Amino acid sequence: MERNCTTAEKRKPASPLRRKSTNADTCSARAETCDANDVARARWTLLRQVLRQKQLESPEIQQVSVRRFATFDLFSRELLEAKDVCDTSDAQWVEYRSVHFPEYSALLRDNLGPVRVNEVLNSFDNTGNICVWPSEEVMAHYCFQKRHTFKGAVCELGGGMTCLGGLMVAISADVKEVLLSDGNEKSIQNVREVIEKNKQAGKFGSTHVSSRVLRWDCEKDISAFEDHFDVIMCADCLFLDQYRASLVDAIRRLMHPKGMALVFAPRRSETLSLFCELAQQAGLCVSQHQQYDAQVWDVHLKMQREGKQVYDENIHYPLLIILTKGPQPFSHSQ
């Protein structure tokens, strides 16, 4: 095809203007091809580095990762000095402190070591095994804002390695019990250590805090807590098609008749709307909130203006979905 175009141009000499335009188009096409090749090459490098257990620090690699926008800057992180000489792992402890509620902080493990290929292939959902995602960060911050509304028994579903939201409820709210859960055993092993570390630091007061593997599609796991929790919370757990219906059913069954569920998640194309449809079909009352916190909204607007290269509202800005079994008791807008 290129050969035919070249022949045609030889038959009829192009004017200087036409020649300039043709050259520009060719350069533009080559640039687009190069950009596409660069992105593809970067994605292969990303995969190769994961398999080789390397840190993903290259700017080119970060550009093709959804993690290129990593935080709403709601928490500060301070590395703690290692005091346990018996701990030979690569993990380090960091203190996550709320920027807007500095009286509240939690101790988390950082740098949790390599993700093994066999763990990814054989374990239940590994998406929470890497880091604190923006939705989890926002949910934890929101819990501070609404800490006086929490009561009784609270459960976080799919909390990953940190269960930061549920952890912050246990630290800041006057609740009887908090269950931190995930479907992945490796995540819960880490959460157990996080609970113990914060318990030793006197973070929980009289609140009973526990953790366990809880799979949304496991009848035994769900039936053990039927109608038990006053508040259920989860962050960015909607995008896996094979678990979405199970999550809705788990929330419905775990929730106390007068309880509520707080779900934070970005739209991610149709995944959030599909979740809401399933929740309505299950008989739950559903409300969706876009502007629910002033600080989060301000960061969102700023990133829309100044951070378009790294920020995509579709995958980064979490909406708040509130689920109840009856009319919702109070407003969650800012």
C-alpha atoms as a PDB file:
ATOM      1  CA  MET A   1       0.000   0.000   0.000  1.00  0.00           C
ATOM      2  CA  GLU A   2       2.846   2.374   0.836  1.00  0.00           C
ATOM      3  CA  ARG A   3       4.505   1.449  -2.468  1.00  0.00           C
ATOM      4  CA  ASN A   4       1.396   2.488  -4.441  1.00  0.00           C
ATOM      5  CA  CYS A   5       1.196   5.833  -2.647  1.00  0.00           C
ATOM      6  CA  THR A   6       4.852   6.512  -3.361  1.00  0.00           C
ATOM      7  CA  THR A   7       4.364   5.735  -7.077  1.00  0.00           C
ATOM      8  CA  ALA A   8       1.387   8.049  -7.307  1.00  0.00           C
ATOM      9  CA  GLU A   9       3.350  10.887  -5.744  1.00  0.00           C
ATOM     10  CA  LYS A  10       6.166  10.419  -8.282  1.00  0.00           C
ATOM     11  CA  ARG A  11       3.743  10.821 -11.169  1.00  0.00           C
ATOM     12  CA  LYS A  12       2.502  14.172  -9.857  1.00  0.00           C
ATOM     13  CA  PRO A  13       5.067  16.320  -8.048  1.00  0.00           C
ATOM     14  CA  ALA A  14       3.708  17.687  -4.833  1.00  0.00           C
ATOM     15  CA  SER A  15       3.633  21.386  -4.177  1.00  0.00           C
ATOM     16  CA  PRO A  16       5.896  22.639  -1.364  1.00  0.00           C
ATOM     17  CA  LEU A  17       2.832  22.967   0.863  1.00  0.00           C
ATOM     18  CA  ARG A  18       1.644  19.445   0.026  1.00  0.00           C
ATOM     19  CA  ARG A  19       5.138  18.036   0.533  1.00  0.00           C
ATOM     20  CA  LYS A  20       5.387  19.695   3.937  1.00  0.00           C
ATOM     21  CA  SER A  21       1.987  18.368   4.957  1.00  0.00           C
ATOM     22  CA  THR A  22       2.856  14.845   3.790  1.00  0.00           C
ATOM     23  CA  ASN A  23       6.115  14.862   5.712  1.00  0.00           C
ATOM     24  CA  ALA A  24       4.349  16.125   8.810  1.00  0.00           C
ATOM     25  CA  ASP A  25       1.710  13.405   8.541  1.00  0.00           C
ATOM     26  CA  THR A  26       4.410  10.770   8.106  1.00  0.00           C
ATOM     27  CA  CYS A  27       6.310  12.031  11.146  1.00  0.00           C
ATOM     28  CA  SER A  28       3.098  12.143  13.147  1.00  0.00           C
ATOM     29  CA  ALA A  29       2.236   8.570  12.165  1.00  0.00           C
ATOM     30  CA  ARG A  30       5.739   7.431  13.061  1.00  0.00           C
ATOM     31  CA  ALA A  31       5.492   9.215  16.404  1.00  0.00           C
ATOM     32  CA  GLU A  32       2.182   7.514  17.161  1.00  0.00           C
ATOM     33  CA  THR A  33       3.668   4.161  16.207  1.00  0.00           C
ATOM     34  CA  CYS A  34       6.684   4.822  18.403  1.00  0.00           C
ATOM     35  CA  ASP A  35       4.431   5.860  21.300  1.00  0.00           C
ATOM     36  CA  ALA A  36       2.387   2.684  20.922  1.00  0.00           C
ATOM     37  CA  ASN A  37       5.550   0.603  20.753  1.00  0.00           C
ATOM     38  CA  ASP A  38       6.938   2.371  23.819  1.00  0.00           C
ATOM     39  CA  VAL A  39       3.775   1.660  25.799  1.00  0.00           C
ATOM     40  CA  ALA A  40       3.745  -1.977  24.722  1.00  0.00           C
ATOM     41  CA  ARG A  41       7.441  -2.297  25.560  1.00  0.00           C
ATOM     42  CA  ALA A  42       6.858  -0.692  28.968  1.00  0.00           C
ATOM     43  CA  ARG A  43       4.008  -3.087  29.710  1.00  0.00           C
ATOM     44  CA  TRP A  44       6.173  -6.079  28.884  1.00  0.00           C
ATOM     45  CA  THR A  45       8.874  -4.621  31.116  1.00  0.00           C
ATOM     46  CA  LEU A  46       6.282  -4.252  33.864  1.00  0.00           C
ATOM     47  CA  LEU A  47       5.378  -7.924  33.554  1.00  0.00           C
ATOM     48  CA  ARG A  48       9.028  -8.960  33.392  1.00  0.00           C
ATOM     49  CA  GLN A  49       9.868  -6.991  36.539  1.00  0.00           C
ATOM     50  CA  VAL A  50       6.946  -8.511  38.428  1.00  0.00           C
ATOM     51  CA  LEU A  51       8.159 -11.988  37.507  1.00  0.00           C
ATOM     52  CA  ARG A  52      11.702 -11.057  38.530  1.00  0.00           C
ATOM     53  CA  GLN A  53      10.422  -9.449  41.768  1.00  0.00           C
ATOM     54  CA  LYS A  54      11.909  -6.030  40.988  1.00  0.00           C
ATOM     55  CA  GLN A  55      10.592  -2.729  42.315  1.00  0.00           C
ATOM     56  CA  LEU A  56       8.489  -0.791  39.817  1.00  0.00           C
ATOM     57  CA  GLU A  57      10.259   2.544  40.137  1.00  0.00           C
ATOM     58  CA  SER A  58      10.979   3.496  36.536  1.00  0.00           C
ATOM     59  CA  PRO A  59       8.972   6.538  35.367  1.00  0.00           C
ATOM     60  CA  GLU A  60       8.241   4.746  32.100  1.00  0.00           C
ATOM     61  CA  ILE A  61       6.807   1.793  34.018  1.00  0.00           C
ATOM     62  CA  GLN A  62       4.750   3.944  36.364  1.00  0.00           C
ATOM     63  CA  GLN A  63       3.206   5.675  33.352  1.00  0.00           C
ATOM     64  CA  VAL A  64       1.473   2.484  32.209  1.00  0.00           C
ATOM     65  CA  SER A  65       0.363   1.435  35.681  1.00  0.00           C
ATOM     66  CA  VAL A  66      -3.002   2.433  37.177  1.00  0.00           C
ATOM     67  CA  ARG A  67      -1.011   3.155  40.325  1.00  0.00           C
ATOM     68  CA  ARG A  68       0.553   6.232  38.727  1.00  0.00           C
ATOM     69  CA  PHE A  69      -1.950   8.185  40.887  1.00  0.00           C
ATOM     70  CA  ALA A  70      -1.369   6.689  44.313  1.00  0.00           C
ATOM     71  CA  THR A  71      -2.854   8.915  47.016  1.00  0.00           C
ATOM     72  CA  PHE A  72      -5.227  11.717  47.948  1.00  0.00           C
ATOM     73  CA  ASP A  73      -2.633  12.853  50.534  1.00  0.00           C
ATOM     74  CA  LEU A  74      -4.935  12.130  53.460  1.00  0.00           C
ATOM     75  CA  PHE A  75      -2.273  10.332  55.516  1.00  0.00           C
ATOM     76  CA  SER A  76       1.350  10.975  56.344  1.00  0.00           C
ATOM     77  CA  ARG A  77       3.775   8.049  56.504  1.00  0.00           C
ATOM     78  CA  GLU A  78       6.650   7.868  58.956  1.00  0.00           C
ATOM     79  CA  LEU A  79       9.099   4.984  58.939  1.00  0.00           C
ATOM     80  CA  LEU A  80       9.607   3.473  62.390  1.00  0.00           C
ATOM     81  CA  GLU A  81      12.965   2.211  63.597  1.00  0.00           C
ATOM     82  CA  ALA A  82      13.243  -1.556  63.857  1.00  0.00           C
ATOM     83  CA  LYS A  83      13.377  -2.620  67.518  1.00  0.00           C
ATOM     84  CA  ASP A  84      12.864  -6.359  67.204  1.00  0.00           C
ATOM     85  CA  VAL A  85      16.259  -7.913  66.433  1.00  0.00           C
ATOM     86  CA  CYS A  86      14.572 -11.278  65.898  1.00  0.00           C
ATOM     87  CA  ASP A  87      12.628  -9.955  62.913  1.00  0.00           C
ATOM     88  CA  THR A  88      14.769 -10.813  59.887  1.00  0.00           C
ATOM     89  CA  SER A  89      12.096 -10.099  57.263  1.00  0.00           C
ATOM     90  CA  ASP A  90      12.295  -7.273  54.743  1.00  0.00           C
ATOM     91  CA  ALA A  91       9.132  -5.713  56.158  1.00  0.00           C
ATOM     92  CA  GLN A  92       9.306  -2.333  57.821  1.00  0.00           C
ATOM     93  CA  TRP A  93       6.777  -0.716  60.109  1.00  0.00           C
ATOM     94  CA  VAL A  94       5.360   2.677  59.238  1.00  0.00           C
ATOM     95  CA  GLU A  95       2.981   4.953  61.091  1.00  0.00           C
ATOM     96  CA  TYR A  96       0.024   6.148  59.032  1.00  0.00           C
ATOM     97  CA  ARG A  97      -1.278   9.371  60.589  1.00  0.00           C
ATOM     98  CA  SER A  98      -4.349  11.266  59.451  1.00  0.00           C
ATOM     99  CA  VAL A  99      -3.483  14.674  58.016  1.00  0.00           C
ATOM    100  CA  HIS A 100      -6.853  16.195  58.929  1.00  0.00           C
ATOM    101  CA  PHE A 101      -7.339  14.242  62.182  1.00  0.00           C
ATOM    102  CA  PRO A 102      -3.736  14.004  63.462  1.00  0.00           C
ATOM    103  CA  GLU A 103      -4.817  12.548  66.798  1.00  0.00           C
ATOM    104  CA  TYR A 104      -5.417   9.246  64.992  1.00  0.00           C
ATOM    105  CA  SER A 105      -2.715   6.983  63.586  1.00  0.00           C
ATOM    106  CA  ALA A 106      -2.118   3.295  62.918  1.00  0.00           C
ATOM    107  CA  LEU A 107       0.956   1.109  62.567  1.00  0.00           C
ATOM    108  CA  LEU A 108       1.229  -0.799  59.277  1.00  0.00           C
ATOM    109  CA  ARG A 109       3.776  -3.097  57.730  1.00  0.00           C
ATOM    110  CA  ASP A 110       5.483  -1.822  54.606  1.00  0.00           C
ATOM    111  CA  ASN A 111       7.542  -3.630  51.947  1.00  0.00           C
ATOM    112  CA  LEU A 112       5.912  -6.988  52.501  1.00  0.00           C
ATOM    113  CA  GLY A 113       8.242  -8.922  50.274  1.00  0.00           C
ATOM    114  CA  PRO A 114       7.783 -10.466  46.847  1.00  0.00           C
ATOM    115  CA  VAL A 115       4.495 -11.678  45.459  1.00  0.00           C
ATOM    116  CA  ARG A 116       5.009 -15.319  44.475  1.00  0.00           C
ATOM    117  CA  VAL A 117       3.608 -16.511  41.160  1.00  0.00           C
ATOM    118  CA  ASN A 118       2.056 -19.599  42.759  1.00  0.00           C
ATOM    119  CA  GLU A 119       0.312 -17.394  45.343  1.00  0.00           C
ATOM    120  CA  VAL A 120      -1.178 -15.248  42.602  1.00  0.00           C
ATOM    121  CA  LEU A 121      -2.378 -18.312  40.695  1.00  0.00           C
ATOM    122  CA  ASN A 122      -3.702 -20.319  43.639  1.00  0.00           C
ATOM    123  CA  SER A 123      -5.019 -17.732  46.115  1.00  0.00           C
ATOM    124  CA  PHE A 124      -8.371 -15.968  46.316  1.00  0.00           C
ATOM    125  CA  ASP A 125      -8.061 -12.436  44.821  1.00  0.00           C
ATOM    126  CA  ASN A 126      -4.600 -10.919  45.311  1.00  0.00           C
ATOM    127  CA  THR A 127      -5.514  -7.352  44.352  1.00  0.00           C
ATOM    128  CA  GLY A 128      -5.195  -6.065  47.910  1.00  0.00           C
ATOM    129  CA  ASN A 129      -1.819  -7.654  48.531  1.00  0.00           C
ATOM    130  CA  ILE A 130       0.333  -4.837  47.212  1.00  0.00           C
ATOM    131  CA  CYS A 131      -0.448  -1.472  48.763  1.00  0.00           C
ATOM    132  CA  VAL A 132      -2.990   0.925  50.244  1.00  0.00           C
ATOM    133  CA  TRP A 133      -5.198   1.881  47.292  1.00  0.00           C
ATOM    134  CA  PRO A 134      -6.746   5.360  47.000  1.00  0.00           C
ATOM    135  CA  SER A 135     -10.254   4.040  47.729  1.00  0.00           C
ATOM    136  CA  GLU A 136      -9.064   2.417  50.964  1.00  0.00           C
ATOM    137  CA  GLU A 137      -7.307   5.629  51.966  1.00  0.00           C
ATOM    138  CA  VAL A 138     -10.442   7.679  51.264  1.00  0.00           C
ATOM    139  CA  MET A 139     -12.642   5.228  53.162  1.00  0.00           C
ATOM    140  CA  ALA A 140     -10.381   5.419  56.218  1.00  0.00           C
ATOM    141  CA  HIS A 141     -10.498   9.215  56.104  1.00  0.00           C
ATOM    142  CA  TYR A 142     -14.282   9.171  55.729  1.00  0.00           C
ATOM    143  CA  CYS A 143     -14.554   6.955  58.804  1.00  0.00           C
ATOM    144  CA  PHE A 144     -12.881   9.683  60.852  1.00  0.00           C
ATOM    145  CA  GLN A 145     -15.399  12.216  59.566  1.00  0.00           C
ATOM    146  CA  LYS A 146     -18.316   9.945  60.512  1.00  0.00           C
ATOM    147  CA  ARG A 147     -16.765   8.178  63.511  1.00  0.00           C
ATOM    148  CA  HIS A 148     -19.650   9.179  65.826  1.00  0.00           C
ATOM    149  CA  THR A 149     -22.134   7.301  63.622  1.00  0.00           C
ATOM    150  CA  PHE A 150     -20.392   3.931  64.032  1.00  0.00           C
ATOM    151  CA  LYS A 151     -21.736   1.592  66.685  1.00  0.00           C
ATOM    152  CA  GLY A 152     -21.952  -2.052  67.639  1.00  0.00           C
ATOM    153  CA  ALA A 153     -20.223  -4.524  65.322  1.00  0.00           C
ATOM    154  CA  VAL A 154     -18.249  -3.450  62.240  1.00  0.00           C
ATOM    155  CA  CYS A 155     -16.747  -5.589  59.472  1.00  0.00           C
ATOM    156  CA  GLU A 156     -14.434  -4.698  56.609  1.00  0.00           C
ATOM    157  CA  LEU A 157     -14.660  -7.017  53.615  1.00  0.00           C
ATOM    158  CA  GLY A 158     -11.787  -7.453  51.160  1.00  0.00           C
ATOM    159  CA  GLY A 159      -9.432  -5.281  53.213  1.00  0.00           C
ATOM    160  CA  GLY A 160      -6.237  -6.682  51.734  1.00  0.00           C
ATOM    161  CA  MET A 161      -2.920  -6.494  53.578  1.00  0.00           C
ATOM    162  CA  THR A 162      -3.868  -3.579  55.831  1.00  0.00           C
ATOM    163  CA  CYS A 163      -7.665  -3.272  56.249  1.00  0.00           C
ATOM    164  CA  LEU A 164      -6.859   0.388  56.840  1.00  0.00           C
ATOM    165  CA  GLY A 165     -10.491   1.540  56.923  1.00  0.00           C
ATOM    166  CA  GLY A 166     -11.619  -1.002  59.496  1.00  0.00           C
ATOM    167  CA  LEU A 167      -8.438  -0.478  61.467  1.00  0.00           C
ATOM    168  CA  MET A 168      -9.115   3.257  61.716  1.00  0.00           C
ATOM    169  CA  VAL A 169     -12.700   2.599  62.856  1.00  0.00           C
ATOM    170  CA  ALA A 170     -11.320   0.413  65.645  1.00  0.00           C
ATOM    171  CA  ILE A 171      -8.944   3.216  66.626  1.00  0.00           C
ATOM    172  CA  SER A 172     -11.281   6.217  66.415  1.00  0.00           C
ATOM    173  CA  ALA A 173     -14.880   5.053  66.956  1.00  0.00           C
ATOM    174  CA  ASP A 174     -16.728   3.839  70.039  1.00  0.00           C
ATOM    175  CA  VAL A 175     -17.654   0.397  68.739  1.00  0.00           C
ATOM    176  CA  LYS A 176     -17.924  -2.980  70.433  1.00  0.00           C
ATOM    177  CA  GLU A 177     -16.105  -5.098  67.859  1.00  0.00           C
ATOM    178  CA  VAL A 178     -14.348  -4.834  64.504  1.00  0.00           C
ATOM    179  CA  LEU A 179     -13.697  -7.790  62.215  1.00  0.00           C
ATOM    180  CA  LEU A 180     -11.016  -7.245  59.565  1.00  0.00           C
ATOM    181  CA  SER A 181     -11.394  -9.743  56.736  1.00  0.00           C
ATOM    182  CA  ASP A 182     -10.132 -10.738  53.324  1.00  0.00           C
ATOM    183  CA  GLY A 183     -10.436 -13.835  51.174  1.00  0.00           C
ATOM    184  CA  ASN A 184      -6.667 -14.215  50.897  1.00  0.00           C
ATOM    185  CA  GLU A 185      -4.731 -16.058  53.607  1.00  0.00           C
ATOM    186  CA  LYS A 186      -1.511 -14.106  53.060  1.00  0.00           C
ATOM    187  CA  SER A 187      -3.371 -10.846  53.596  1.00  0.00           C
ATOM    188  CA  ILE A 188      -4.894 -12.050  56.847  1.00  0.00           C
ATOM    189  CA  GLN A 189      -1.552 -13.302  58.135  1.00  0.00           C
ATOM    190  CA  ASN A 190      -0.265  -9.765  57.796  1.00  0.00           C
ATOM    191  CA  VAL A 191      -3.435  -8.212  59.252  1.00  0.00           C
ATOM    192  CA  ARG A 192      -3.033 -10.387  62.365  1.00  0.00           C
ATOM    193  CA  GLU A 193       0.416  -8.916  62.910  1.00  0.00           C
ATOM    194  CA  VAL A 194      -0.913  -5.410  62.298  1.00  0.00           C
ATOM    195  CA  ILE A 195      -3.636  -5.956  64.913  1.00  0.00           C
ATOM    196  CA  GLU A 196      -1.134  -7.265  67.454  1.00  0.00           C
ATOM    197  CA  LYS A 197       1.253  -4.359  66.865  1.00  0.00           C
ATOM    198  CA  ASN A 198      -1.496  -1.768  67.314  1.00  0.00           C
ATOM    199  CA  LYS A 199      -2.928  -3.593  70.315  1.00  0.00           C
ATOM    200  CA  GLN A 200       0.482  -3.470  71.998  1.00  0.00           C
ATOM    201  CA  ALA A 201       0.573   0.263  71.263  1.00  0.00           C
ATOM    202  CA  GLY A 202      -2.771   0.714  73.042  1.00  0.00           C
ATOM    203  CA  LYS A 203      -4.602   1.909  69.929  1.00  0.00           C
ATOM    204  CA  PHE A 204      -7.898   0.051  70.343  1.00  0.00           C
ATOM    205  CA  GLY A 205      -9.152   0.930  73.813  1.00  0.00           C
ATOM    206  CA  SER A 206     -11.967  -1.455  74.787  1.00  0.00           C
ATOM    207  CA  THR A 207     -12.861  -2.402  71.188  1.00  0.00           C
ATOM    208  CA  HIS A 208     -12.394  -6.080  70.369  1.00  0.00           C
ATOM    209  CA  VAL A 209     -10.493  -6.349  67.078  1.00  0.00           C
ATOM    210  CA  SER A 210     -10.073  -9.632  65.210  1.00  0.00           C
ATOM    211  CA  SER A 211      -9.288 -10.913  61.733  1.00  0.00           C
ATOM    212  CA  ARG A 212     -10.160 -13.932  59.630  1.00  0.00           C
ATOM    213  CA  VAL A 213     -10.297 -15.270  56.113  1.00  0.00           C
ATOM    214  CA  LEU A 214     -13.803 -14.567  54.865  1.00  0.00           C
ATOM    215  CA  ARG A 215     -14.693 -15.533  51.329  1.00  0.00           C
ATOM    216  CA  TRP A 216     -17.851 -14.015  49.929  1.00  0.00           C
ATOM    217  CA  ASP A 217     -18.689 -17.208  48.031  1.00  0.00           C
ATOM    218  CA  CYS A 218     -18.168 -19.536  51.016  1.00  0.00           C
ATOM    219  CA  GLU A 219     -21.401 -20.526  52.760  1.00  0.00           C
ATOM    220  CA  LYS A 220     -19.603 -21.510  55.958  1.00  0.00           C
ATOM    221  CA  ASP A 221     -17.863 -18.134  56.218  1.00  0.00           C
ATOM    222  CA  ILE A 222     -21.038 -16.122  55.641  1.00  0.00           C
ATOM    223  CA  SER A 223     -23.487 -18.160  57.736  1.00  0.00           C
ATOM    224  CA  ALA A 224     -21.265 -17.745  60.811  1.00  0.00           C
ATOM    225  CA  PHE A 225     -22.107 -14.006  60.878  1.00  0.00           C
ATOM    226  CA  GLU A 226     -25.640 -13.876  59.474  1.00  0.00           C
ATOM    227  CA  ASP A 227     -27.381 -10.514  60.255  1.00  0.00           C
ATOM    228  CA  HIS A 228     -24.572  -9.657  62.673  1.00  0.00           C
ATOM    229  CA  PHE A 229     -22.879  -6.425  61.581  1.00  0.00           C
ATOM    230  CA  ASP A 230     -24.215  -2.915  62.113  1.00  0.00           C
ATOM    231  CA  VAL A 231     -21.741  -1.508  59.584  1.00  0.00           C
ATOM    232  CA  ILE A 232     -20.072  -3.319  56.685  1.00  0.00           C
ATOM    233  CA  MET A 233     -17.417  -1.540  54.659  1.00  0.00           C
ATOM    234  CA  CYS A 234     -15.302  -2.305  51.630  1.00  0.00           C
ATOM    235  CA  ALA A 235     -13.108  -0.378  49.205  1.00  0.00           C
ATOM    236  CA  ASP A 236     -12.515  -0.979  45.489  1.00  0.00           C
ATOM    237  CA  CYS A 237     -13.845  -4.540  45.510  1.00  0.00           C
ATOM    238  CA  LEU A 238     -16.279  -4.339  42.590  1.00  0.00           C
ATOM    239  CA  PHE A 239     -14.211  -4.791  39.446  1.00  0.00           C
ATOM    240  CA  LEU A 240     -13.782  -8.579  39.469  1.00  0.00           C
ATOM    241  CA  ASP A 241     -16.735  -9.968  37.539  1.00  0.00           C
ATOM    242  CA  GLN A 242     -16.591 -13.427  39.081  1.00  0.00           C
ATOM    243  CA  TYR A 243     -17.013 -12.127  42.657  1.00  0.00           C
ATOM    244  CA  ARG A 244     -19.431  -9.199  42.260  1.00  0.00           C
ATOM    245  CA  ALA A 245     -22.660 -11.140  42.806  1.00  0.00           C
ATOM    246  CA  SER A 246     -21.103 -13.002  45.737  1.00  0.00           C
ATOM    247  CA  LEU A 247     -20.124  -9.693  47.343  1.00  0.00           C
ATOM    248  CA  VAL A 248     -23.686  -8.371  47.087  1.00  0.00           C
ATOM    249  CA  ASP A 249     -25.068 -11.561  48.626  1.00  0.00           C
ATOM    250  CA  ALA A 250     -22.459 -11.504  51.401  1.00  0.00           C
ATOM    251  CA  ILE A 251     -23.279  -7.895  52.292  1.00  0.00           C
ATOM    252  CA  ARG A 252     -27.009  -8.619  52.340  1.00  0.00           C
ATOM    253  CA  ARG A 253     -26.625 -11.607  54.618  1.00  0.00           C
ATOM    254  CA  LEU A 254     -23.965 -10.206  56.944  1.00  0.00           C
ATOM    255  CA  MET A 255     -25.769  -6.880  57.489  1.00  0.00           C
ATOM    256  CA  HIS A 256     -28.011  -6.408  60.521  1.00  0.00           C
ATOM    257  CA  PRO A 257     -31.622  -5.613  59.502  1.00  0.00           C
ATOM    258  CA  LYS A 258     -31.045  -2.009  60.637  1.00  0.00           C
ATOM    259  CA  GLY A 259     -27.416  -1.884  59.523  1.00  0.00           C
ATOM    260  CA  MET A 260     -25.710  -0.311  56.533  1.00  0.00           C
ATOM    261  CA  ALA A 261     -22.849  -0.953  54.149  1.00  0.00           C
ATOM    262  CA  LEU A 262     -20.368   1.687  52.981  1.00  0.00           C
ATOM    263  CA  VAL A 263     -18.801   0.834  49.635  1.00  0.00           C
ATOM    264  CA  PHE A 264     -16.095   3.055  48.144  1.00  0.00           C
ATOM    265  CA  ALA A 265     -15.144   2.390  44.536  1.00  0.00           C
ATOM    266  CA  PRO A 266     -14.394   4.236  41.288  1.00  0.00           C
ATOM    267  CA  ARG A 267     -16.691   3.751  38.323  1.00  0.00           C
ATOM    268  CA  ARG A 268     -14.207   1.559  36.401  1.00  0.00           C
ATOM    269  CA  SER A 269     -16.363   1.646  33.276  1.00  0.00           C
ATOM    270  CA  GLU A 270     -19.580  -0.250  34.112  1.00  0.00           C
ATOM    271  CA  THR A 271     -18.388  -2.207  37.151  1.00  0.00           C
ATOM    272  CA  LEU A 272     -19.881   0.128  39.752  1.00  0.00           C
ATOM    273  CA  SER A 273     -23.238   0.440  38.000  1.00  0.00           C
ATOM    274  CA  LEU A 274     -23.404  -3.351  37.585  1.00  0.00           C
ATOM    275  CA  PHE A 275     -22.815  -3.742  41.326  1.00  0.00           C
ATOM    276  CA  CYS A 276     -25.595  -1.263  42.116  1.00  0.00           C
ATOM    277  CA  GLU A 277     -27.978  -3.116  39.803  1.00  0.00           C
ATOM    278  CA  LEU A 278     -27.219  -6.409  41.542  1.00  0.00           C
ATOM    279  CA  ALA A 279     -27.729  -4.797  44.954  1.00  0.00           C
ATOM    280  CA  GLN A 280     -31.136  -3.450  43.923  1.00  0.00           C
ATOM    281  CA  GLN A 281     -32.107  -6.833  42.509  1.00  0.00           C
ATOM    282  CA  ALA A 282     -31.187  -8.341  45.894  1.00  0.00           C
ATOM    283  CA  GLY A 283     -33.693  -6.027  47.587  1.00  0.00           C
ATOM    284  CA  LEU A 284     -31.221  -3.536  49.055  1.00  0.00           C
ATOM    285  CA  CYS A 285     -31.757   0.223  49.119  1.00  0.00           C
ATOM    286  CA  VAL A 286     -28.951   1.889  47.166  1.00  0.00           C
ATOM    287  CA  SER A 287     -27.778   5.499  47.218  1.00  0.00           C
ATOM    288  CA  GLN A 288     -24.791   6.893  45.334  1.00  0.00           C
ATOM    289  CA  HIS A 289     -22.755   9.909  46.452  1.00  0.00           C
ATOM    290  CA  GLN A 290     -20.104  11.729  44.444  1.00  0.00           C
ATOM    291  CA  GLN A 291     -19.369  14.726  46.678  1.00  0.00           C
ATOM    292  CA  TYR A 292     -19.217  13.332  50.225  1.00  0.00           C
ATOM    293  CA  ASP A 293     -16.087  14.930  51.704  1.00  0.00           C
ATOM    294  CA  ALA A 294     -14.611  18.414  51.217  1.00  0.00           C
ATOM    295  CA  GLN A 295     -10.934  17.413  51.347  1.00  0.00           C
ATOM    296  CA  VAL A 296     -11.328  14.511  48.938  1.00  0.00           C
ATOM    297  CA  TRP A 297     -13.387  16.614  46.542  1.00  0.00           C
ATOM    298  CA  ASP A 298     -10.801  19.420  46.562  1.00  0.00           C
ATOM    299  CA  VAL A 299      -8.016  16.986  45.628  1.00  0.00           C
ATOM    300  CA  HIS A 300     -10.222  15.538  42.901  1.00  0.00           C
ATOM    301  CA  LEU A 301     -10.855  18.964  41.362  1.00  0.00           C
ATOM    302  CA  LYS A 302      -7.181  19.880  41.588  1.00  0.00           C
ATOM    303  CA  MET A 303      -6.120  16.667  39.857  1.00  0.00           C
ATOM    304  CA  GLN A 304      -8.668  17.252  37.108  1.00  0.00           C
ATOM    305  CA  ARG A 305      -7.092  20.649  36.457  1.00  0.00           C
ATOM    306  CA  GLU A 306      -3.410  19.891  36.960  1.00  0.00           C
ATOM    307  CA  GLY A 307      -2.824  16.147  36.917  1.00  0.00           C
ATOM    308  CA  LYS A 308      -4.484  14.858  33.770  1.00  0.00           C
ATOM    309  CA  GLN A 309      -1.404  12.835  32.786  1.00  0.00           C
ATOM    310  CA  VAL A 310      -1.587  10.711  35.943  1.00  0.00           C
ATOM    311  CA  TYR A 311      -5.189  11.038  37.147  1.00  0.00           C
ATOM    312  CA  ASP A 312      -8.187   9.327  35.588  1.00  0.00           C
ATOM    313  CA  GLU A 313     -11.484   9.883  37.401  1.00  0.00           C
ATOM    314  CA  ASN A 314     -12.855   6.629  35.984  1.00  0.00           C
ATOM    315  CA  ILE A 315     -10.309   4.517  37.858  1.00  0.00           C
ATOM    316  CA  HIS A 316      -9.081   6.805  40.641  1.00  0.00           C
ATOM    317  CA  TYR A 317     -11.973   8.772  42.160  1.00  0.00           C
ATOM    318  CA  PRO A 318     -14.045   6.603  44.523  1.00  0.00           C
ATOM    319  CA  LEU A 319     -17.773   7.167  44.720  1.00  0.00           C
ATOM    320  CA  LEU A 320     -19.601   6.306  47.934  1.00  0.00           C
ATOM    321  CA  ILE A 321     -22.343   3.689  47.690  1.00  0.00           C
ATOM    322  CA  ILE A 322     -24.552   3.195  50.753  1.00  0.00           C
ATOM    323  CA  LEU A 323     -26.604   0.015  51.062  1.00  0.00           C
ATOM    324  CA  THR A 324     -29.340  -0.659  53.612  1.00  0.00           C
ATOM    325  CA  LYS A 325     -32.214  -3.086  54.017  1.00  0.00           C
ATOM    326  CA  GLY A 326     -34.639  -0.213  54.585  1.00  0.00           C
ATOM    327  CA  PRO A 327     -34.836   3.605  54.324  1.00  0.00           C
ATOM    328  CA  GLN A 328     -31.469   5.226  54.999  1.00  0.00           C
ATOM    329  CA  PRO A 329     -31.351   7.091  58.330  1.00  0.00           C
ATOM    330  CA  PHE A 330     -29.066  10.090  57.677  1.00  0.00           C
ATOM    331  CA  SER A 331     -27.219  12.028  55.020  1.00  0.00           C
ATOM    332  CA  HIS A 332     -23.683  11.130  53.981  1.00  0.00           C
ATOM    333  CA  SER A 333     -23.080  14.128  51.768  1.00  0.00           C
ATOM    334  CA  GLN A 334     -20.422  16.593  52.866  1.00  0.00           C
END
